[in-house]
Protein backbone atom coordinates (compact mmCIF):
# COMPACT_ATOMS: atom_id res chain seq x y z
CA MET A 1 0.00 0.00 0.00
CA ARG A 2 2.85 2.36 0.92
CA MET A 3 4.58 1.59 -2.36
CA LEU A 4 1.39 2.31 -4.28
CA THR A 5 0.92 5.63 -2.43
CA ALA A 6 4.50 6.64 -3.20
CA VAL A 7 4.03 5.82 -6.87
CA VAL A 8 0.80 7.87 -7.01
CA LEU A 9 2.45 10.84 -5.27
CA ALA A 10 5.41 10.68 -7.63
CA ALA A 11 3.08 10.63 -10.60
CA LEU A 12 1.19 13.65 -9.27
CA VAL A 13 4.44 15.57 -8.77
CA ASN A 14 5.51 14.77 -12.31
CA VAL A 15 2.16 15.95 -13.66
CA CYS A 16 2.51 19.24 -11.75
CA TRP A 17 6.00 19.78 -13.09
CA ALA A 18 4.77 18.99 -16.58
CA GLN A 19 2.14 21.74 -16.55
CA PRO A 20 2.87 24.06 -19.49
CA LYS A 21 3.81 27.64 -18.69
CA THR A 22 1.90 30.67 -19.90
CA VAL A 23 3.81 31.94 -22.94
CA LEU A 24 4.13 35.72 -23.21
CA ARG A 25 5.87 36.96 -26.37
CA PHE A 26 7.16 40.54 -26.18
CA SER A 27 8.11 42.24 -29.46
CA THR A 28 9.85 45.57 -30.10
CA ALA A 29 11.46 47.29 -33.09
CA ALA A 30 14.20 48.74 -30.87
CA PRO A 31 17.72 47.48 -31.69
CA PRO A 32 18.96 44.77 -29.29
CA PRO A 33 21.63 47.02 -27.67
CA ASP A 34 19.14 49.82 -26.99
CA PHE A 35 17.85 50.42 -23.48
CA LEU A 36 14.26 49.64 -24.48
CA SER A 37 15.22 46.17 -25.68
CA ARG A 38 17.35 45.63 -22.60
CA SER A 39 14.46 46.72 -20.38
CA LEU A 40 12.36 43.95 -21.93
CA ALA A 41 14.95 41.47 -20.69
CA MET A 42 14.62 43.02 -17.23
CA PHE A 43 10.84 42.69 -17.48
CA LYS A 44 11.30 38.99 -18.27
CA THR A 45 13.56 38.43 -15.27
CA GLU A 46 11.29 40.36 -12.91
CA LEU A 47 8.05 38.67 -13.99
CA GLU A 48 9.42 35.14 -14.15
CA LYS A 49 10.87 35.62 -10.66
CA SER A 50 7.58 36.81 -9.14
CA ALA A 51 5.35 34.57 -11.31
CA PRO A 52 7.26 31.45 -12.47
CA GLU A 53 4.21 30.26 -14.40
CA PHE A 54 5.08 32.77 -17.15
CA ASP A 55 7.47 32.01 -19.98
CA VAL A 56 8.43 35.48 -21.28
CA GLN A 57 9.97 35.39 -24.75
CA VAL A 58 11.63 38.65 -25.83
CA TYR A 59 12.06 39.59 -29.51
CA PRO A 60 14.00 42.86 -30.07
CA GLY A 61 14.94 44.38 -33.42
CA SER A 62 11.69 43.36 -35.20
CA GLN A 63 12.79 39.71 -35.05
CA LEU A 64 9.24 38.41 -34.72
CA PHE A 65 7.07 41.09 -36.33
CA ARG A 66 8.04 43.83 -38.77
CA GLN A 67 7.87 47.33 -37.32
CA GLY A 68 4.33 48.66 -37.60
CA THR A 69 2.68 45.23 -37.60
CA GLU A 70 2.84 44.54 -33.85
CA VAL A 71 -0.44 46.28 -33.00
CA PRO A 72 -2.52 44.31 -35.54
CA ALA A 73 -0.78 41.17 -34.27
CA LEU A 74 -1.89 42.02 -30.72
CA GLN A 75 -5.42 42.57 -31.92
CA ARG A 76 -5.52 39.32 -33.89
CA GLY A 77 -4.26 37.31 -30.94
CA ASN A 78 -0.93 36.53 -32.64
CA LEU A 79 1.15 38.44 -30.08
CA GLU A 80 0.84 39.08 -26.35
CA MET A 81 2.95 42.22 -25.70
CA SER A 82 4.71 45.03 -27.55
CA THR A 83 6.13 48.53 -27.10
CA MET A 84 3.33 50.51 -28.73
CA THR A 85 3.80 54.13 -29.85
CA THR A 86 1.42 57.08 -29.79
CA PHE A 87 1.55 57.01 -33.61
CA GLU A 88 0.11 53.49 -33.66
CA VAL A 89 -2.64 54.54 -31.27
CA ALA A 90 -3.59 57.54 -33.41
CA GLN A 91 -4.09 55.36 -36.47
CA GLN A 92 -7.09 53.83 -34.69
CA VAL A 93 -8.01 56.60 -32.24
CA PRO A 94 -7.58 59.75 -34.37
CA GLU A 95 -8.47 62.22 -31.60
CA PHE A 96 -5.21 61.24 -29.90
CA GLY A 97 -3.13 62.27 -32.90
CA VAL A 98 -2.08 65.45 -31.09
CA PHE A 99 0.37 63.36 -29.05
CA ASN A 100 2.40 62.89 -32.24
CA ARG A 101 2.76 66.60 -32.81
CA ALA A 102 6.24 68.09 -33.02
CA TYR A 103 7.13 70.25 -30.01
CA LEU A 104 4.14 69.15 -27.89
CA PHE A 105 6.18 68.19 -24.82
CA ARG A 106 8.71 70.52 -23.25
CA ASP A 107 10.95 67.72 -21.97
CA TYR A 108 10.99 64.24 -20.43
CA GLU A 109 9.46 65.39 -17.12
CA HIS A 110 6.57 67.02 -18.94
CA ALA A 111 5.80 63.87 -20.95
CA ALA A 112 6.14 61.61 -17.88
CA LYS A 113 3.78 63.76 -15.78
CA THR A 114 1.27 63.83 -18.63
CA PHE A 115 1.09 60.07 -19.11
CA ASN A 116 1.31 59.20 -15.42
CA GLY A 117 -1.50 61.63 -14.56
CA PRO A 118 -5.20 62.05 -15.36
CA ILE A 119 -4.56 62.57 -19.09
CA GLY A 120 -2.64 59.30 -19.23
CA LYS A 121 -5.42 57.51 -17.34
CA ARG A 122 -8.00 58.72 -19.85
CA TYR A 123 -5.68 57.79 -22.69
CA GLY A 124 -5.22 54.24 -21.35
CA ASP A 125 -8.93 53.69 -20.71
CA THR A 126 -9.80 54.78 -24.25
CA VAL A 127 -7.09 52.60 -25.81
CA ALA A 128 -8.33 49.56 -23.87
CA GLN A 129 -11.93 50.21 -24.92
CA LYS A 130 -11.38 51.08 -28.58
CA MET A 131 -8.29 49.02 -29.43
CA GLY A 132 -8.45 46.05 -27.08
CA ILE A 133 -4.94 46.79 -25.79
CA VAL A 134 -3.99 47.46 -22.16
CA ILE A 135 -1.23 49.97 -21.41
CA LEU A 136 0.80 48.76 -18.43
CA ALA A 137 3.39 51.55 -18.21
CA PRO A 138 4.63 54.52 -20.23
CA THR A 139 8.36 54.75 -20.80
CA TYR A 140 10.81 57.07 -22.54
CA LEU A 141 12.17 56.34 -26.00
CA GLY A 142 14.13 59.59 -26.05
CA THR A 143 14.11 63.00 -27.69
CA ARG A 144 14.41 62.71 -31.45
CA GLN A 145 17.13 64.57 -33.37
CA VAL A 146 17.92 64.88 -37.09
CA ASN A 147 20.92 62.84 -38.31
CA LEU A 148 22.36 63.52 -41.80
CA ARG A 149 24.53 61.51 -44.15
CA ALA A 150 26.26 64.69 -45.39
CA ALA A 151 26.79 67.80 -43.30
CA ARG A 152 24.96 70.99 -44.24
CA ASP A 153 24.24 74.39 -42.72
CA VAL A 154 20.84 73.98 -41.06
CA LYS A 155 19.24 77.01 -39.47
CA ALA A 156 15.59 76.46 -40.44
CA PRO A 157 13.32 73.82 -42.00
CA ALA A 158 13.96 75.35 -45.43
CA ASP A 159 17.58 74.20 -45.15
CA LEU A 160 16.35 70.59 -45.04
CA ALA A 161 14.28 70.88 -48.24
CA GLY A 162 14.80 67.87 -50.50
CA VAL A 163 16.48 65.78 -47.80
CA LYS A 164 15.16 62.21 -48.03
CA MET A 165 14.61 61.50 -44.37
CA ARG A 166 13.77 58.02 -43.17
CA MET A 167 10.58 58.03 -41.11
CA PRO A 168 8.62 55.10 -39.70
CA GLY A 169 5.54 54.29 -41.76
CA GLY A 170 2.23 56.00 -41.05
CA PRO A 171 0.53 59.25 -42.04
CA GLU A 172 1.38 61.15 -38.87
CA TRP A 173 5.05 60.22 -39.12
CA LEU A 174 5.02 61.63 -42.64
CA LEU A 175 3.34 64.77 -41.33
CA LEU A 176 6.08 65.07 -38.72
CA GLY A 177 8.63 64.90 -41.52
CA GLN A 178 6.86 67.73 -43.31
CA ALA A 179 6.98 69.79 -40.12
CA LEU A 180 10.76 69.34 -40.15
CA GLY A 181 10.93 70.48 -43.78
CA VAL A 182 12.28 67.17 -45.15
CA THR A 183 11.02 64.72 -47.76
CA PRO A 184 9.75 61.90 -45.51
CA THR A 185 10.67 58.40 -46.69
CA PRO A 186 8.92 55.47 -44.91
CA MET A 187 11.29 52.65 -43.99
CA GLY A 188 11.59 49.94 -41.34
CA MET A 189 14.29 50.36 -38.72
CA PRO A 190 16.35 47.29 -39.73
CA GLU A 191 16.84 48.75 -43.23
CA VAL A 192 18.13 52.16 -42.17
CA TYR A 193 21.86 51.49 -41.70
CA LEU A 194 22.35 50.08 -45.20
CA ALA A 195 20.12 52.77 -46.73
CA LEU A 196 22.31 55.46 -45.16
CA GLN A 197 25.47 53.67 -46.19
CA THR A 198 24.40 53.40 -49.84
CA GLY A 199 22.73 56.81 -50.12
CA VAL A 200 19.19 55.51 -50.61
CA ILE A 201 18.24 58.04 -47.93
CA ASP A 202 19.95 61.27 -46.86
CA GLY A 203 19.23 61.02 -43.18
CA GLN A 204 17.23 59.61 -40.32
CA GLU A 205 15.78 61.00 -37.10
CA ASN A 206 15.89 59.15 -33.80
CA PRO A 207 16.82 59.67 -30.17
CA LEU A 208 20.59 59.85 -29.66
CA THR A 209 20.63 56.65 -27.64
CA ILE A 210 19.13 54.74 -30.58
CA LEU A 211 21.49 56.46 -33.03
CA ASN A 212 24.33 55.20 -30.84
CA ALA A 213 22.96 51.68 -30.36
CA ALA A 214 22.32 51.29 -34.10
CA LYS A 215 25.82 52.67 -34.92
CA PHE A 216 24.43 55.26 -37.31
CA HIS A 217 27.46 57.43 -36.51
CA GLU A 218 29.41 55.07 -38.79
CA VAL A 219 27.40 56.12 -41.85
CA THR A 220 26.46 59.75 -41.11
CA LYS A 221 28.30 63.05 -40.72
CA GLN A 222 26.07 65.39 -38.73
CA VAL A 223 23.49 65.64 -35.97
CA VAL A 224 21.13 68.62 -35.95
CA MET A 225 19.69 69.07 -32.45
CA THR A 226 16.12 69.78 -33.46
CA SER A 227 14.63 68.08 -30.37
CA HIS A 228 11.42 67.86 -32.35
CA LEU A 229 9.75 65.00 -30.48
CA VAL A 230 9.97 63.93 -26.86
CA GLN A 231 8.71 60.41 -27.43
CA PRO A 232 6.93 58.09 -25.03
CA VAL A 233 6.22 54.45 -25.81
CA PHE A 234 4.09 52.00 -23.86
CA PHE A 235 4.58 48.56 -22.41
CA CYS A 236 1.28 47.09 -23.53
CA VAL A 237 -0.53 43.76 -23.57
CA ALA A 238 -3.38 42.36 -25.65
CA LYS A 239 -6.59 42.79 -23.61
CA PRO A 240 -8.02 39.29 -24.28
CA TYR A 241 -4.78 37.79 -22.95
CA TYR A 242 -4.74 40.20 -20.01
CA ASP A 243 -8.39 39.52 -19.11
CA LYS A 244 -7.67 35.80 -18.68
CA LEU A 245 -5.09 36.46 -15.97
CA SER A 246 -5.87 36.39 -12.26
CA THR A 247 -5.90 39.63 -10.24
CA GLU A 248 -2.56 38.65 -8.71
CA GLN A 249 -1.02 37.92 -12.12
CA LYS A 250 -2.23 41.26 -13.48
CA LYS A 251 -0.56 43.06 -10.59
CA LYS A 252 2.70 41.20 -11.08
CA LEU A 253 2.58 41.94 -14.80
CA ALA A 254 2.05 45.67 -14.15
CA ASP A 255 4.72 45.78 -11.43
CA ALA A 256 7.29 44.17 -13.72
CA ALA A 257 6.41 46.64 -16.51
CA VAL A 258 6.69 49.68 -14.21
CA HIS A 259 10.02 48.42 -12.85
CA ALA A 260 11.45 47.84 -16.34
CA ALA A 261 10.09 51.16 -17.63
CA LYS A 262 11.76 53.08 -14.79
CA TRP A 263 15.07 51.35 -15.44
CA ASN A 264 14.83 52.29 -19.13
CA ASP A 265 14.04 55.92 -18.27
CA ASP A 266 16.90 56.27 -15.78
CA GLN A 267 19.45 54.67 -18.07
CA ARG A 268 18.34 56.52 -21.19
CA LEU A 269 18.31 59.95 -19.57
CA ALA A 270 21.86 59.47 -18.31
CA ASP A 271 23.03 58.06 -21.63
CA GLU A 272 21.44 60.80 -23.74
CA GLN A 273 23.76 63.39 -22.24
CA LYS A 274 26.74 61.05 -22.48
CA VAL A 275 26.07 60.35 -26.18
CA ALA A 276 25.51 64.06 -26.90
CA ASP A 277 28.85 64.89 -25.30
CA GLY A 278 30.60 62.20 -27.35
CA LEU A 279 29.20 62.90 -30.83
CA ALA A 280 32.18 65.00 -31.92
CA ALA A 281 34.58 62.27 -30.82
CA LYS A 282 32.72 59.89 -33.15
CA GLY A 283 33.39 62.26 -36.06
CA LEU A 284 29.97 63.88 -36.20
CA ALA A 285 29.42 67.61 -36.64
CA VAL A 286 26.84 68.88 -34.15
CA SER A 287 24.66 71.91 -34.88
CA ARG A 288 22.21 73.51 -32.47
CA PRO A 289 19.92 75.81 -34.47
CA ASP A 290 17.46 78.25 -32.98
CA LEU A 291 14.29 76.17 -32.73
CA ALA A 292 11.87 79.08 -33.22
CA PRO A 293 11.72 78.60 -37.05
CA PHE A 294 11.10 74.87 -36.54
CA ARG A 295 8.30 75.50 -34.05
CA ALA A 296 6.75 78.07 -36.38
CA ASN A 297 6.88 75.66 -39.33
CA ALA A 298 5.29 72.93 -37.22
CA ASP A 299 2.44 75.28 -36.29
CA LYS A 300 1.94 76.09 -39.97
CA VAL A 301 2.03 72.46 -41.15
CA TYR A 302 -0.29 71.12 -38.46
CA GLY A 303 -2.60 74.13 -38.74
CA SER A 304 -3.35 73.34 -42.38
CA ALA A 305 -3.16 69.53 -42.28
CA GLU A 306 -6.35 67.64 -43.04
CA LEU A 307 -5.17 64.86 -40.71
CA ALA A 308 -4.97 67.25 -37.74
CA LYS A 309 -8.65 68.15 -38.05
CA ALA A 310 -9.53 64.85 -36.36
CA TRP A 311 -7.47 65.69 -33.26
CA ASP A 312 -9.09 66.63 -29.96
CA PRO A 313 -8.60 70.42 -30.00
CA LYS A 314 -8.59 70.69 -26.20
CA LEU A 315 -5.86 68.12 -25.58
CA ALA A 316 -2.92 70.28 -26.63
CA ASP A 317 -4.02 72.95 -24.14
CA GLU A 318 -4.51 70.34 -21.40
CA VAL A 319 -1.03 68.96 -22.02
CA ALA A 320 0.50 72.44 -22.05
CA ALA A 321 -1.06 73.10 -18.65
CA VAL A 322 0.63 70.08 -17.04
CA ARG A 323 3.29 71.23 -14.58
């Protein structure tokens, strides 16, 4: 009888150990060396430590889904998590397009207070309702700067006329390019290095930390500090997947996202200044134009854009009032 009991117990233990884990695939377009990709690895460690039933699989550098296709994949049930941008949200919730506007946020602190406050709460609730995607935590992708293959004297948007500038795909990205004065050229992130190297494009715009991680300094000659977009991204999860989790699992998921997002923010903010200080040593000319002509051109472009007519007209004022 004792032998039979021991056999039964052993079988039960084996069955428990054999229970499959809950797979959670996390996709991002950020290059593997970038802080955002590295923060996903931290998210994996944190969540699997607090909730061992999860098997978090991280895919940086568009390894699993091409940039721009992650959101539809979330909505089709083909992906569990991604780092969603405000541009992707605006494609389905047009009133939120104002968050893609050049020169909306003053700096990192302004953007962080906006998305961690009442405006961010309203934003997240609407995204969950209309898109079926749950935002777990906002994080900082950086402040975007113009990076050129050949140096030129840039004092205003007119000096960038005719420059074929790589932009992510999407109508509001192209509108952002117009605000800068360039000829926007849609292209996925993995293609940019070779396109710069061969002259298919004349430049790209990204935060300095991403420029550094992607080694664009090897194939460009100048950085123009336009600071045109202080860019948040979101750790997000497909709502149908999220809704199946227990209350405790949801909390652990959110805690891991907040922890990883804070690490990304802290590291990126410190590195942005370090990279900026080291651009000249990498052989890049650095120009810091007066931004007034760029702000004025952005006002003009957005003021006449058909796309901007769908934006919530009160949101820009609400964001400006955040202190």
